[in-house]
Amino acid sequence: MPDHIVIFGATGRTGHHLVRQALDRGYRVTAFVRDPVKLEVEDDKLQFVLGDFLDASAVDAALARGVNAVICAAGIYQREYGTTLSDGTRNILGAMRNHGIRRLLVVSSIGAGDSRGQGTWWVLLYQRLMLKYVLWDKDRQEQEIRDSGLDWTIVRPPRLFDSDKQNADVVVWSGAQPQRKLSWGVTRATLAKVVLDALAGRRYVGEAVNVSD
């Protein structure tokens, strides 16, 4: 079981939950951040590396610390075509290969990859109007991950809610949309739990899974 993980996107709203829950589970955590003040978490098992994940040398330095696994929860909102997310992910993949790190877990989004077209009408409308360029880059990101040869897991949430509530009955699926009623929403705390459960149990290796309450 990994004991030292690096979290990219640690100061984001989902990243906060990942860091806190990982520390609660006993992991040593390296948070890759541009501004550590934004994390507002203090723990003896937490350390910071300052940098931008578009800087390949900074990413490589962060992973050269006896790391066992990497979590990427970086979120980039884009209003035009851009490759910030996929480019940063490519740097992470390169550094993982350089240092022999196999396990990678990435937070993506419903609507990316083979989940395109899943959801209610309002989910699809929101994706079309607000997330067109984000999902375009996430598609590129996911393909980079699939081609990496690493032990990857992609977790795709729908609408996210800022809450500390962890739902033990969250629905996790791959492939076609399940034939059951879903809320098409999940709390960020629940999402973090799904990711860390997958890490601890080596679940969903080589899979892209979708989650919803």
N, C-alpha and C. Protein backbone atom coordinates (compact mmCIF):
# COMPACT_ATOMS: atom_id res chain seq x y z
N MET A 1 0.85 -1.20 0.00
CA MET A 1 0.00 0.00 0.00
C MET A 1 0.88 1.25 0.00
N PRO A 2 0.58 2.23 -0.83
CA PRO A 2 1.38 3.46 -0.84
C PRO A 2 1.32 4.17 0.51
N ASP A 3 2.42 4.81 0.87
CA ASP A 3 2.39 5.61 2.10
C ASP A 3 2.74 7.07 1.86
N HIS A 4 3.24 7.39 0.66
CA HIS A 4 3.61 8.78 0.35
C HIS A 4 3.03 9.14 -1.01
N ILE A 5 2.14 10.12 -1.04
CA ILE A 5 1.48 10.51 -2.28
C ILE A 5 1.70 11.99 -2.56
N VAL A 6 1.72 12.31 -3.84
CA VAL A 6 1.74 13.71 -4.27
C VAL A 6 0.36 14.06 -4.80
N ILE A 7 -0.15 15.21 -4.40
CA ILE A 7 -1.45 15.66 -4.87
C ILE A 7 -1.28 16.96 -5.66
N PHE A 8 -1.63 16.91 -6.93
CA PHE A 8 -1.66 18.10 -7.78
C PHE A 8 -3.07 18.69 -7.73
N GLY A 9 -3.16 20.01 -7.66
CA GLY A 9 -4.47 20.64 -7.48
C GLY A 9 -4.90 20.63 -6.02
N ALA A 10 -3.92 20.58 -5.13
CA ALA A 10 -4.20 20.43 -3.69
C ALA A 10 -4.94 21.63 -3.10
N THR A 11 -4.78 22.82 -3.68
CA THR A 11 -5.45 24.00 -3.11
C THR A 11 -6.85 24.21 -3.69
N GLY A 12 -7.26 23.38 -4.63
CA GLY A 12 -8.61 23.47 -5.16
C GLY A 12 -9.62 22.94 -4.16
N ARG A 13 -10.90 23.13 -4.46
CA ARG A 13 -11.93 22.73 -3.50
C ARG A 13 -12.00 21.22 -3.31
N THR A 14 -11.77 20.46 -4.37
CA THR A 14 -11.68 19.01 -4.22
C THR A 14 -10.34 18.63 -3.61
N GLY A 15 -9.29 19.33 -3.99
CA GLY A 15 -7.96 19.06 -3.45
C GLY A 15 -7.90 19.18 -1.95
N HIS A 16 -8.60 20.16 -1.38
CA HIS A 16 -8.64 20.29 0.08
C HIS A 16 -9.13 19.01 0.73
N HIS A 17 -10.20 18.44 0.20
CA HIS A 17 -10.76 17.21 0.78
C HIS A 17 -9.79 16.05 0.60
N LEU A 18 -9.15 15.96 -0.55
CA LEU A 18 -8.18 14.90 -0.77
C LEU A 18 -7.04 14.97 0.23
N VAL A 19 -6.51 16.16 0.44
CA VAL A 19 -5.40 16.32 1.38
C VAL A 19 -5.83 15.95 2.78
N ARG A 20 -6.94 16.48 3.25
CA ARG A 20 -7.39 16.22 4.62
C ARG A 20 -7.68 14.73 4.83
N GLN A 21 -8.39 14.13 3.89
CA GLN A 21 -8.74 12.72 4.05
C GLN A 21 -7.51 11.82 3.95
N ALA A 22 -6.59 12.17 3.07
CA ALA A 22 -5.36 11.37 2.95
C ALA A 22 -4.55 11.43 4.25
N LEU A 23 -4.45 12.61 4.85
CA LEU A 23 -3.75 12.73 6.13
C LEU A 23 -4.46 11.95 7.21
N ASP A 24 -5.79 12.00 7.23
CA ASP A 24 -6.57 11.25 8.22
C ASP A 24 -6.34 9.75 8.08
N ARG A 25 -6.05 9.30 6.86
CA ARG A 25 -5.81 7.88 6.63
C ARG A 25 -4.37 7.47 6.90
N GLY A 26 -3.54 8.44 7.26
CA GLY A 26 -2.17 8.13 7.63
C GLY A 26 -1.14 8.28 6.54
N TYR A 27 -1.53 8.79 5.37
CA TYR A 27 -0.58 8.99 4.29
C TYR A 27 0.34 10.17 4.60
N ARG A 28 1.56 10.09 4.12
CA ARG A 28 2.40 11.28 4.00
C ARG A 28 2.02 11.94 2.68
N VAL A 29 1.79 13.23 2.72
CA VAL A 29 1.27 13.94 1.56
C VAL A 29 2.21 15.07 1.16
N THR A 30 2.57 15.09 -0.11
CA THR A 30 3.25 16.24 -0.69
C THR A 30 2.23 16.98 -1.55
N ALA A 31 1.95 18.21 -1.18
CA ALA A 31 1.00 19.04 -1.93
C ALA A 31 1.78 19.92 -2.90
N PHE A 32 1.50 19.73 -4.18
CA PHE A 32 2.16 20.54 -5.21
C PHE A 32 1.28 21.77 -5.45
N VAL A 33 1.79 22.94 -5.07
CA VAL A 33 0.95 24.14 -5.06
C VAL A 33 1.74 25.35 -5.56
N ARG A 34 1.00 26.36 -5.95
CA ARG A 34 1.63 27.65 -6.24
C ARG A 34 1.63 28.56 -5.02
N ASP A 35 0.64 28.38 -4.14
CA ASP A 35 0.53 29.22 -2.94
C ASP A 35 0.07 28.35 -1.77
N PRO A 36 0.97 27.91 -0.89
CA PRO A 36 0.60 27.01 0.21
C PRO A 36 -0.37 27.63 1.20
N VAL A 37 -0.43 28.95 1.27
CA VAL A 37 -1.35 29.60 2.22
C VAL A 37 -2.79 29.24 1.92
N LYS A 38 -3.10 28.99 0.65
CA LYS A 38 -4.47 28.70 0.26
C LYS A 38 -4.98 27.35 0.78
N LEU A 39 -4.07 26.47 1.18
CA LEU A 39 -4.50 25.14 1.61
C LEU A 39 -5.05 25.15 3.03
N GLU A 40 -4.49 25.93 3.90
CA GLU A 40 -4.99 26.09 5.27
C GLU A 40 -5.09 24.75 6.00
N VAL A 41 -4.09 23.91 5.81
CA VAL A 41 -3.99 22.63 6.50
C VAL A 41 -2.60 22.52 7.08
N GLU A 42 -2.52 22.11 8.34
CA GLU A 42 -1.23 21.90 8.98
C GLU A 42 -1.18 20.49 9.54
N ASP A 43 -0.11 19.78 9.25
CA ASP A 43 0.05 18.42 9.75
C ASP A 43 1.52 18.03 9.59
N ASP A 44 2.02 17.23 10.53
CA ASP A 44 3.41 16.81 10.46
C ASP A 44 3.69 15.95 9.22
N LYS A 45 2.65 15.33 8.69
CA LYS A 45 2.83 14.44 7.54
C LYS A 45 2.63 15.17 6.21
N LEU A 46 2.42 16.50 6.28
CA LEU A 46 2.18 17.29 5.08
C LEU A 46 3.39 18.15 4.75
N GLN A 47 3.82 18.10 3.50
CA GLN A 47 4.86 19.00 3.02
C GLN A 47 4.42 19.62 1.70
N PHE A 48 5.05 20.72 1.36
CA PHE A 48 4.67 21.46 0.17
C PHE A 48 5.82 21.51 -0.82
N VAL A 49 5.47 21.46 -2.09
CA VAL A 49 6.40 21.78 -3.16
C VAL A 49 5.76 22.88 -3.98
N LEU A 50 6.48 23.98 -4.15
CA LEU A 50 5.95 25.12 -4.89
C LEU A 50 6.29 24.99 -6.37
N GLY A 51 5.30 25.26 -7.20
CA GLY A 51 5.56 25.20 -8.63
C GLY A 51 4.29 25.21 -9.44
N ASP A 52 4.46 25.19 -10.74
CA ASP A 52 3.38 25.14 -11.71
C ASP A 52 3.53 23.84 -12.48
N PHE A 53 2.42 23.10 -12.65
CA PHE A 53 2.59 21.80 -13.29
C PHE A 53 2.86 21.90 -14.79
N LEU A 54 2.89 23.11 -15.33
CA LEU A 54 3.37 23.31 -16.70
C LEU A 54 4.90 23.38 -16.76
N ASP A 55 5.53 23.44 -15.60
CA ASP A 55 6.99 23.45 -15.49
C ASP A 55 7.45 22.01 -15.24
N ALA A 56 7.94 21.36 -16.29
CA ALA A 56 8.30 19.94 -16.19
C ALA A 56 9.37 19.69 -15.13
N SER A 57 10.33 20.60 -14.99
CA SER A 57 11.40 20.40 -14.01
C SER A 57 10.86 20.47 -12.58
N ALA A 58 9.90 21.36 -12.32
CA ALA A 58 9.30 21.45 -10.99
C ALA A 58 8.51 20.19 -10.66
N VAL A 59 7.77 19.69 -11.64
CA VAL A 59 7.00 18.46 -11.44
C VAL A 59 7.95 17.30 -11.16
N ASP A 60 9.02 17.20 -11.94
CA ASP A 60 9.98 16.12 -11.75
C ASP A 60 10.60 16.18 -10.36
N ALA A 61 10.92 17.38 -9.89
CA ALA A 61 11.53 17.53 -8.56
C ALA A 61 10.56 17.09 -7.47
N ALA A 62 9.27 17.35 -7.66
CA ALA A 62 8.28 16.97 -6.65
C ALA A 62 8.16 15.47 -6.52
N LEU A 63 8.37 14.74 -7.63
CA LEU A 63 8.21 13.30 -7.61
C LEU A 63 9.49 12.56 -7.25
N ALA A 64 10.58 13.31 -7.07
CA ALA A 64 11.86 12.69 -6.74
C ALA A 64 12.05 12.63 -5.22
N ARG A 65 11.00 12.23 -4.51
CA ARG A 65 11.03 12.28 -3.04
C ARG A 65 10.52 10.98 -2.42
N GLY A 66 10.72 9.88 -3.09
CA GLY A 66 10.25 8.61 -2.53
C GLY A 66 8.75 8.46 -2.58
N VAL A 67 8.14 8.99 -3.63
CA VAL A 67 6.68 8.97 -3.77
C VAL A 67 6.21 7.61 -4.29
N ASN A 68 5.07 7.12 -3.78
CA ASN A 68 4.51 5.84 -4.23
C ASN A 68 3.36 5.99 -5.20
N ALA A 69 2.65 7.12 -5.14
CA ALA A 69 1.46 7.30 -5.97
C ALA A 69 1.21 8.78 -6.18
N VAL A 70 0.47 9.08 -7.24
CA VAL A 70 0.17 10.46 -7.61
C VAL A 70 -1.33 10.61 -7.80
N ILE A 71 -1.87 11.70 -7.26
CA ILE A 71 -3.27 12.07 -7.49
C ILE A 71 -3.28 13.43 -8.17
N CYS A 72 -4.02 13.54 -9.27
CA CYS A 72 -4.15 14.82 -9.96
C CYS A 72 -5.61 15.25 -9.91
N ALA A 73 -5.86 16.36 -9.21
CA ALA A 73 -7.21 16.93 -9.14
C ALA A 73 -7.19 18.35 -9.68
N ALA A 74 -6.26 18.62 -10.58
CA ALA A 74 -6.15 19.96 -11.16
C ALA A 74 -7.39 20.25 -12.01
N GLY A 75 -7.96 21.40 -11.81
CA GLY A 75 -9.12 21.82 -12.59
C GLY A 75 -8.83 23.13 -13.30
N ILE A 76 -8.99 23.15 -14.60
CA ILE A 76 -8.71 24.34 -15.40
C ILE A 76 -9.98 24.74 -16.13
N TYR A 77 -10.52 25.93 -15.83
CA TYR A 77 -11.70 26.40 -16.56
C TYR A 77 -11.23 27.21 -17.76
N GLN A 78 -11.70 26.84 -18.95
CA GLN A 78 -11.24 27.47 -20.18
C GLN A 78 -12.43 27.96 -21.00
N ARG A 79 -12.27 29.14 -21.61
CA ARG A 79 -13.31 29.70 -22.47
C ARG A 79 -12.90 29.70 -23.93
N GLU A 80 -11.84 28.99 -24.22
CA GLU A 80 -11.39 28.80 -25.59
C GLU A 80 -10.56 27.53 -25.63
N TYR A 81 -10.27 27.06 -26.82
CA TYR A 81 -9.47 25.85 -26.93
C TYR A 81 -8.08 26.10 -26.33
N GLY A 82 -7.66 25.16 -25.49
CA GLY A 82 -6.35 25.26 -24.86
C GLY A 82 -5.92 23.89 -24.35
N THR A 83 -4.64 23.74 -24.11
CA THR A 83 -4.11 22.44 -23.72
C THR A 83 -3.40 22.48 -22.36
N THR A 84 -3.79 23.42 -21.52
CA THR A 84 -3.14 23.57 -20.22
C THR A 84 -3.22 22.28 -19.41
N LEU A 85 -4.39 21.70 -19.33
CA LEU A 85 -4.59 20.51 -18.50
C LEU A 85 -3.84 19.30 -19.08
N SER A 86 -3.99 19.09 -20.36
CA SER A 86 -3.31 17.93 -20.97
C SER A 86 -1.80 18.12 -20.98
N ASP A 87 -1.32 19.34 -21.16
CA ASP A 87 0.12 19.58 -21.12
C ASP A 87 0.69 19.34 -19.73
N GLY A 88 -0.01 19.83 -18.70
CA GLY A 88 0.45 19.59 -17.33
C GLY A 88 0.44 18.11 -16.98
N THR A 89 -0.59 17.42 -17.43
CA THR A 89 -0.68 15.99 -17.17
C THR A 89 0.46 15.24 -17.86
N ARG A 90 0.83 15.68 -19.06
CA ARG A 90 1.95 15.05 -19.76
C ARG A 90 3.24 15.19 -18.95
N ASN A 91 3.41 16.33 -18.29
CA ASN A 91 4.59 16.51 -17.43
C ASN A 91 4.56 15.55 -16.26
N ILE A 92 3.38 15.36 -15.67
CA ILE A 92 3.25 14.42 -14.56
C ILE A 92 3.59 13.01 -15.01
N LEU A 93 3.06 12.60 -16.16
CA LEU A 93 3.31 11.25 -16.66
C LEU A 93 4.80 11.04 -16.93
N GLY A 94 5.45 12.04 -17.51
CA GLY A 94 6.87 11.93 -17.78
C GLY A 94 7.69 11.78 -16.51
N ALA A 95 7.35 12.57 -15.49
CA ALA A 95 8.08 12.50 -14.22
C ALA A 95 7.83 11.17 -13.52
N MET A 96 6.62 10.64 -13.63
CA MET A 96 6.33 9.33 -13.03
C MET A 96 7.18 8.25 -13.67
N ARG A 97 7.29 8.28 -14.99
CA ARG A 97 8.13 7.29 -15.66
C ARG A 97 9.59 7.47 -15.28
N ASN A 98 10.04 8.71 -15.16
CA ASN A 98 11.44 8.97 -14.78
C ASN A 98 11.79 8.36 -13.43
N HIS A 99 10.82 8.37 -12.50
CA HIS A 99 11.10 7.94 -11.13
C HIS A 99 10.47 6.59 -10.79
N GLY A 100 9.96 5.89 -11.79
CA GLY A 100 9.45 4.54 -11.56
C GLY A 100 8.20 4.49 -10.72
N ILE A 101 7.37 5.53 -10.79
CA ILE A 101 6.11 5.57 -10.02
C ILE A 101 5.00 5.06 -10.93
N ARG A 102 4.25 4.08 -10.47
CA ARG A 102 3.26 3.44 -11.33
C ARG A 102 1.83 3.93 -11.13
N ARG A 103 1.45 4.24 -9.89
CA ARG A 103 0.03 4.44 -9.59
C ARG A 103 -0.38 5.89 -9.75
N LEU A 104 -1.40 6.11 -10.57
CA LEU A 104 -1.92 7.44 -10.87
C LEU A 104 -3.44 7.44 -10.79
N LEU A 105 -3.99 8.42 -10.08
CA LEU A 105 -5.43 8.61 -10.01
C LEU A 105 -5.74 10.05 -10.40
N VAL A 106 -6.70 10.22 -11.31
CA VAL A 106 -6.97 11.53 -11.89
C VAL A 106 -8.46 11.84 -11.81
N VAL A 107 -8.79 13.04 -11.36
CA VAL A 107 -10.17 13.51 -11.36
C VAL A 107 -10.44 14.18 -12.71
N SER A 108 -11.40 13.64 -13.45
CA SER A 108 -11.79 14.21 -14.74
C SER A 108 -13.23 14.73 -14.60
N SER A 109 -14.10 14.44 -15.54
CA SER A 109 -15.46 14.96 -15.49
C SER A 109 -16.39 14.12 -16.35
N ILE A 110 -17.62 13.94 -15.87
CA ILE A 110 -18.66 13.35 -16.72
C ILE A 110 -18.75 14.20 -18.00
N GLY A 111 -18.81 13.54 -19.12
CA GLY A 111 -18.82 14.22 -20.40
C GLY A 111 -17.53 14.07 -21.16
N ALA A 112 -16.48 13.63 -20.46
CA ALA A 112 -15.20 13.38 -21.11
C ALA A 112 -15.10 11.91 -21.50
N GLY A 113 -14.30 11.63 -22.50
CA GLY A 113 -14.07 10.25 -22.90
C GLY A 113 -15.35 9.53 -23.28
N ASP A 114 -15.47 8.27 -22.86
CA ASP A 114 -16.64 7.48 -23.23
C ASP A 114 -17.88 7.79 -22.39
N SER A 115 -17.78 8.80 -21.51
CA SER A 115 -18.98 9.22 -20.77
C SER A 115 -19.72 10.34 -21.49
N ARG A 116 -19.22 10.76 -22.64
CA ARG A 116 -19.89 11.81 -23.42
C ARG A 116 -21.32 11.37 -23.74
N GLY A 117 -22.28 12.27 -23.53
CA GLY A 117 -23.67 11.97 -23.81
C GLY A 117 -24.44 11.41 -22.62
N GLN A 118 -23.76 11.16 -21.51
CA GLN A 118 -24.45 10.64 -20.33
C GLN A 118 -24.96 11.79 -19.47
N GLY A 119 -26.10 11.57 -18.83
CA GLY A 119 -26.67 12.57 -17.94
C GLY A 119 -28.05 13.01 -18.37
N THR A 120 -28.66 13.83 -17.56
CA THR A 120 -29.97 14.38 -17.87
C THR A 120 -29.82 15.51 -18.89
N TRP A 121 -30.93 16.04 -19.35
CA TRP A 121 -30.88 17.10 -20.36
C TRP A 121 -30.14 18.32 -19.86
N TRP A 122 -30.32 18.64 -18.55
CA TRP A 122 -29.65 19.84 -18.05
C TRP A 122 -28.15 19.61 -17.88
N VAL A 123 -27.75 18.36 -17.58
CA VAL A 123 -26.32 18.04 -17.53
C VAL A 123 -25.70 18.23 -18.91
N LEU A 124 -26.38 17.73 -19.93
CA LEU A 124 -25.86 17.84 -21.29
C LEU A 124 -25.83 19.30 -21.76
N LEU A 125 -26.86 20.06 -21.37
CA LEU A 125 -26.91 21.47 -21.75
C LEU A 125 -25.78 22.24 -21.09
N TYR A 126 -25.54 21.97 -19.82
CA TYR A 126 -24.46 22.65 -19.11
C TYR A 126 -23.11 22.33 -19.74
N GLN A 127 -22.92 21.07 -20.10
CA GLN A 127 -21.67 20.69 -20.74
C GLN A 127 -21.48 21.43 -22.06
N ARG A 128 -22.56 21.54 -22.83
CA ARG A 128 -22.47 22.17 -24.14
C ARG A 128 -22.22 23.66 -24.03
N LEU A 129 -22.86 24.32 -23.06
CA LEU A 129 -22.76 25.76 -22.96
C LEU A 129 -21.55 26.24 -22.15
N MET A 130 -21.20 25.50 -21.10
CA MET A 130 -20.20 25.98 -20.15
C MET A 130 -18.87 25.20 -20.18
N LEU A 131 -18.93 23.94 -20.59
CA LEU A 131 -17.75 23.09 -20.45
C LEU A 131 -17.18 22.61 -21.78
N LYS A 132 -17.61 23.19 -22.86
CA LYS A 132 -17.17 22.73 -24.18
C LYS A 132 -15.65 22.66 -24.28
N TYR A 133 -14.97 23.73 -23.91
CA TYR A 133 -13.52 23.78 -24.06
C TYR A 133 -12.81 23.01 -22.96
N VAL A 134 -13.41 22.98 -21.77
CA VAL A 134 -12.85 22.19 -20.68
C VAL A 134 -12.85 20.71 -21.05
N LEU A 135 -13.98 20.23 -21.55
CA LEU A 135 -14.09 18.81 -21.89
C LEU A 135 -13.20 18.45 -23.07
N TRP A 136 -13.01 19.37 -23.98
CA TRP A 136 -12.10 19.12 -25.10
C TRP A 136 -10.70 18.83 -24.59
N ASP A 137 -10.23 19.63 -23.62
CA ASP A 137 -8.90 19.41 -23.05
C ASP A 137 -8.87 18.16 -22.17
N LYS A 138 -9.97 17.88 -21.46
CA LYS A 138 -10.04 16.67 -20.65
C LYS A 138 -9.99 15.42 -21.53
N ASP A 139 -10.59 15.48 -22.71
CA ASP A 139 -10.48 14.35 -23.64
C ASP A 139 -9.01 14.10 -23.98
N ARG A 140 -8.28 15.16 -24.25
CA ARG A 140 -6.85 15.03 -24.54
C ARG A 140 -6.10 14.49 -23.33
N GLN A 141 -6.45 15.01 -22.15
CA GLN A 141 -5.81 14.54 -20.91
C GLN A 141 -6.03 13.04 -20.72
N GLU A 142 -7.29 12.62 -20.88
CA GLU A 142 -7.60 11.20 -20.67
C GLU A 142 -6.86 10.31 -21.67
N GLN A 143 -6.72 10.76 -22.90
CA GLN A 143 -6.02 9.95 -23.88
C GLN A 143 -4.53 9.84 -23.53
N GLU A 144 -3.94 10.93 -23.05
CA GLU A 144 -2.55 10.88 -22.60
C GLU A 144 -2.39 9.83 -21.49
N ILE A 145 -3.35 9.80 -20.58
CA ILE A 145 -3.29 8.86 -19.46
C ILE A 145 -3.44 7.43 -19.96
N ARG A 146 -4.40 7.20 -20.84
CA ARG A 146 -4.62 5.85 -21.38
C ARG A 146 -3.39 5.33 -22.11
N ASP A 147 -2.66 6.21 -22.75
CA ASP A 147 -1.49 5.81 -23.54
C ASP A 147 -0.22 5.72 -22.70
N SER A 148 -0.31 6.00 -21.41
CA SER A 148 0.89 6.16 -20.57
C SER A 148 1.57 4.84 -20.21
N GLY A 149 0.82 3.74 -20.19
CA GLY A 149 1.37 2.47 -19.74
C GLY A 149 1.47 2.35 -18.23
N LEU A 150 0.92 3.33 -17.49
CA LEU A 150 0.96 3.31 -16.03
C LEU A 150 -0.29 2.64 -15.47
N ASP A 151 -0.31 2.47 -14.16
CA ASP A 151 -1.47 1.89 -13.48
C ASP A 151 -2.42 3.03 -13.10
N TRP A 152 -3.22 3.45 -14.06
CA TRP A 152 -4.03 4.65 -13.91
C TRP A 152 -5.48 4.33 -13.56
N THR A 153 -6.12 5.30 -12.93
CA THR A 153 -7.57 5.30 -12.71
C THR A 153 -8.07 6.72 -12.95
N ILE A 154 -9.10 6.84 -13.74
CA ILE A 154 -9.76 8.13 -13.98
C ILE A 154 -11.11 8.10 -13.28
N VAL A 155 -11.41 9.13 -12.50
CA VAL A 155 -12.69 9.23 -11.79
C VAL A 155 -13.40 10.47 -12.29
N ARG A 156 -14.63 10.27 -12.81
CA ARG A 156 -15.37 11.37 -13.42
C ARG A 156 -16.62 11.70 -12.60
N PRO A 157 -16.62 12.83 -11.91
CA PRO A 157 -17.82 13.28 -11.22
C PRO A 157 -18.70 14.13 -12.13
N PRO A 158 -19.99 14.28 -11.80
CA PRO A 158 -20.86 15.25 -12.47
C PRO A 158 -20.79 16.58 -11.71
N ARG A 159 -21.91 17.19 -11.43
CA ARG A 159 -21.95 18.43 -10.66
C ARG A 159 -21.41 18.17 -9.26
N LEU A 160 -20.57 19.08 -8.77
CA LEU A 160 -19.93 18.92 -7.47
C LEU A 160 -20.50 19.90 -6.46
N PHE A 161 -20.69 19.41 -5.22
CA PHE A 161 -21.21 20.24 -4.14
C PHE A 161 -20.15 20.38 -3.06
N ASP A 162 -20.02 21.60 -2.53
CA ASP A 162 -19.06 21.85 -1.46
C ASP A 162 -19.68 21.41 -0.13
N SER A 163 -19.31 20.24 0.32
CA SER A 163 -19.85 19.68 1.54
C SER A 163 -18.85 18.68 2.12
N ASP A 164 -18.83 18.57 3.46
CA ASP A 164 -17.98 17.58 4.12
C ASP A 164 -18.67 16.23 4.23
N LYS A 165 -19.91 16.13 3.75
CA LYS A 165 -20.65 14.88 3.85
C LYS A 165 -20.09 13.84 2.89
N GLN A 166 -19.85 12.65 3.41
CA GLN A 166 -19.37 11.54 2.59
C GLN A 166 -20.49 10.51 2.45
N ASN A 167 -20.91 10.28 1.23
CA ASN A 167 -22.00 9.34 0.95
C ASN A 167 -21.41 7.95 0.73
N ALA A 168 -21.76 7.02 1.61
CA ALA A 168 -21.25 5.65 1.50
C ALA A 168 -21.92 4.88 0.38
N ASP A 169 -23.07 5.38 -0.11
CA ASP A 169 -23.84 4.66 -1.13
C ASP A 169 -23.67 5.26 -2.52
N VAL A 170 -22.59 5.96 -2.74
CA VAL A 170 -22.36 6.58 -4.04
C VAL A 170 -22.32 5.50 -5.12
N VAL A 171 -22.85 5.83 -6.30
CA VAL A 171 -22.88 4.89 -7.42
C VAL A 171 -21.62 5.11 -8.26
N VAL A 172 -20.91 4.03 -8.53
CA VAL A 172 -19.70 4.07 -9.36
C VAL A 172 -19.90 3.11 -10.53
N TRP A 173 -19.72 3.61 -11.75
CA TRP A 173 -19.90 2.73 -12.91
C TRP A 173 -18.93 3.09 -14.01
N SER A 174 -18.74 2.16 -14.92
CA SER A 174 -17.97 2.40 -16.13
C SER A 174 -18.83 2.00 -17.32
N GLY A 175 -18.49 2.51 -18.48
CA GLY A 175 -19.27 2.17 -19.66
C GLY A 175 -20.60 2.90 -19.70
N ALA A 176 -21.64 2.19 -20.13
CA ALA A 176 -22.94 2.80 -20.35
C ALA A 176 -23.56 3.31 -19.05
N GLN A 177 -24.37 4.32 -19.19
CA GLN A 177 -25.09 4.92 -18.05
C GLN A 177 -25.99 3.87 -17.40
N PRO A 178 -25.95 3.74 -16.06
CA PRO A 178 -26.77 2.72 -15.39
C PRO A 178 -28.26 3.04 -15.49
N GLN A 179 -29.07 1.99 -15.52
CA GLN A 179 -30.52 2.15 -15.63
C GLN A 179 -31.13 2.28 -14.24
N ARG A 180 -30.81 3.37 -13.58
CA ARG A 180 -31.36 3.66 -12.26
C ARG A 180 -31.33 5.16 -12.06
N LYS A 181 -32.12 5.63 -11.13
CA LYS A 181 -32.21 7.06 -10.89
C LYS A 181 -30.94 7.56 -10.20
N LEU A 182 -30.36 8.61 -10.75
CA LEU A 182 -29.18 9.22 -10.18
C LEU A 182 -29.44 10.71 -9.96
N SER A 183 -28.74 11.29 -9.00
CA SER A 183 -28.89 12.72 -8.76
C SER A 183 -28.04 13.55 -9.74
N TRP A 184 -27.07 12.91 -10.37
CA TRP A 184 -26.10 13.60 -11.23
C TRP A 184 -25.41 14.74 -10.47
N GLY A 185 -25.07 14.41 -9.23
CA GLY A 185 -24.31 15.31 -8.38
C GLY A 185 -23.62 14.49 -7.31
N VAL A 186 -22.55 15.03 -6.75
CA VAL A 186 -21.82 14.34 -5.69
C VAL A 186 -21.07 15.40 -4.88
N THR A 187 -20.90 15.15 -3.58
CA THR A 187 -20.14 16.09 -2.78
C THR A 187 -18.65 15.90 -3.05
N ARG A 188 -17.90 16.97 -2.85
CA ARG A 188 -16.46 16.87 -3.05
C ARG A 188 -15.83 15.92 -2.05
N ALA A 189 -16.38 15.85 -0.84
CA ALA A 189 -15.87 14.91 0.16
C ALA A 189 -16.10 13.47 -0.29
N THR A 190 -17.25 13.20 -0.89
CA THR A 190 -17.52 11.85 -1.40
C THR A 190 -16.58 11.52 -2.54
N LEU A 191 -16.37 12.46 -3.43
CA LEU A 191 -15.44 12.24 -4.54
C LEU A 191 -14.05 11.90 -4.02
N ALA A 192 -13.57 12.65 -3.04
CA ALA A 192 -12.26 12.38 -2.46
C ALA A 192 -12.21 10.98 -1.86
N LYS A 193 -13.28 10.58 -1.20
CA LYS A 193 -13.34 9.24 -0.61
C LYS A 193 -13.24 8.16 -1.69
N VAL A 194 -13.96 8.34 -2.80
CA VAL A 194 -13.92 7.36 -3.89
C VAL A 194 -12.49 7.23 -4.42
N VAL A 195 -11.83 8.35 -4.62
CA VAL A 195 -10.46 8.34 -5.14
C VAL A 195 -9.52 7.63 -4.18
N LEU A 196 -9.60 7.96 -2.90
CA LEU A 196 -8.69 7.37 -1.92
C LEU A 196 -9.01 5.91 -1.65
N ASP A 197 -10.28 5.53 -1.72
CA ASP A 197 -10.64 4.11 -1.61
C ASP A 197 -10.04 3.32 -2.78
N ALA A 198 -10.09 3.92 -3.97
CA ALA A 198 -9.50 3.26 -5.14
C ALA A 198 -8.00 3.09 -4.98
N LEU A 199 -7.35 4.09 -4.41
CA LEU A 199 -5.92 4.01 -4.16
C LEU A 199 -5.60 2.92 -3.15
N ALA A 200 -6.31 2.91 -2.04
CA ALA A 200 -6.02 1.96 -0.96
C ALA A 200 -6.28 0.51 -1.39
N GLY A 201 -7.33 0.31 -2.17
CA GLY A 201 -7.70 -1.05 -2.55
C GLY A 201 -7.25 -1.46 -3.93
N ARG A 202 -6.44 -0.62 -4.58
CA ARG A 202 -6.02 -0.86 -5.97
C ARG A 202 -7.22 -1.21 -6.84
N ARG A 203 -8.26 -0.42 -6.71
CA ARG A 203 -9.49 -0.64 -7.47
C ARG A 203 -9.47 0.21 -8.74
N TYR A 204 -10.18 -0.29 -9.76
CA TYR A 204 -10.38 0.44 -11.01
C TYR A 204 -9.08 0.73 -11.77
N VAL A 205 -8.07 -0.13 -11.61
CA VAL A 205 -6.82 0.08 -12.33
C VAL A 205 -7.07 -0.12 -13.83
N GLY A 206 -6.64 0.87 -14.62
CA GLY A 206 -6.86 0.81 -16.05
C GLY A 206 -8.30 1.07 -16.46
N GLU A 207 -9.07 1.76 -15.57
CA GLU A 207 -10.48 2.05 -15.84
C GLU A 207 -10.77 3.54 -15.67
N ALA A 208 -11.72 4.01 -16.44
CA ALA A 208 -12.32 5.32 -16.22
C ALA A 208 -13.71 5.09 -15.67
N VAL A 209 -13.96 5.54 -14.43
CA VAL A 209 -15.24 5.30 -13.80
C VAL A 209 -15.95 6.62 -13.54
N ASN A 210 -17.26 6.55 -13.50
CA ASN A 210 -18.11 7.71 -13.27
C ASN A 210 -18.77 7.56 -11.91
N VAL A 211 -19.04 8.68 -11.24
CA VAL A 211 -19.62 8.63 -9.90
C VAL A 211 -20.79 9.60 -9.79
N SER A 212 -21.79 9.20 -9.01
CA SER A 212 -22.93 10.09 -8.72
C SER A 212 -23.66 9.56 -7.50
N ASP A 213 -24.26 10.46 -6.75
CA ASP A 213 -25.17 10.04 -5.69
C ASP A 213 -26.45 9.54 -6.33
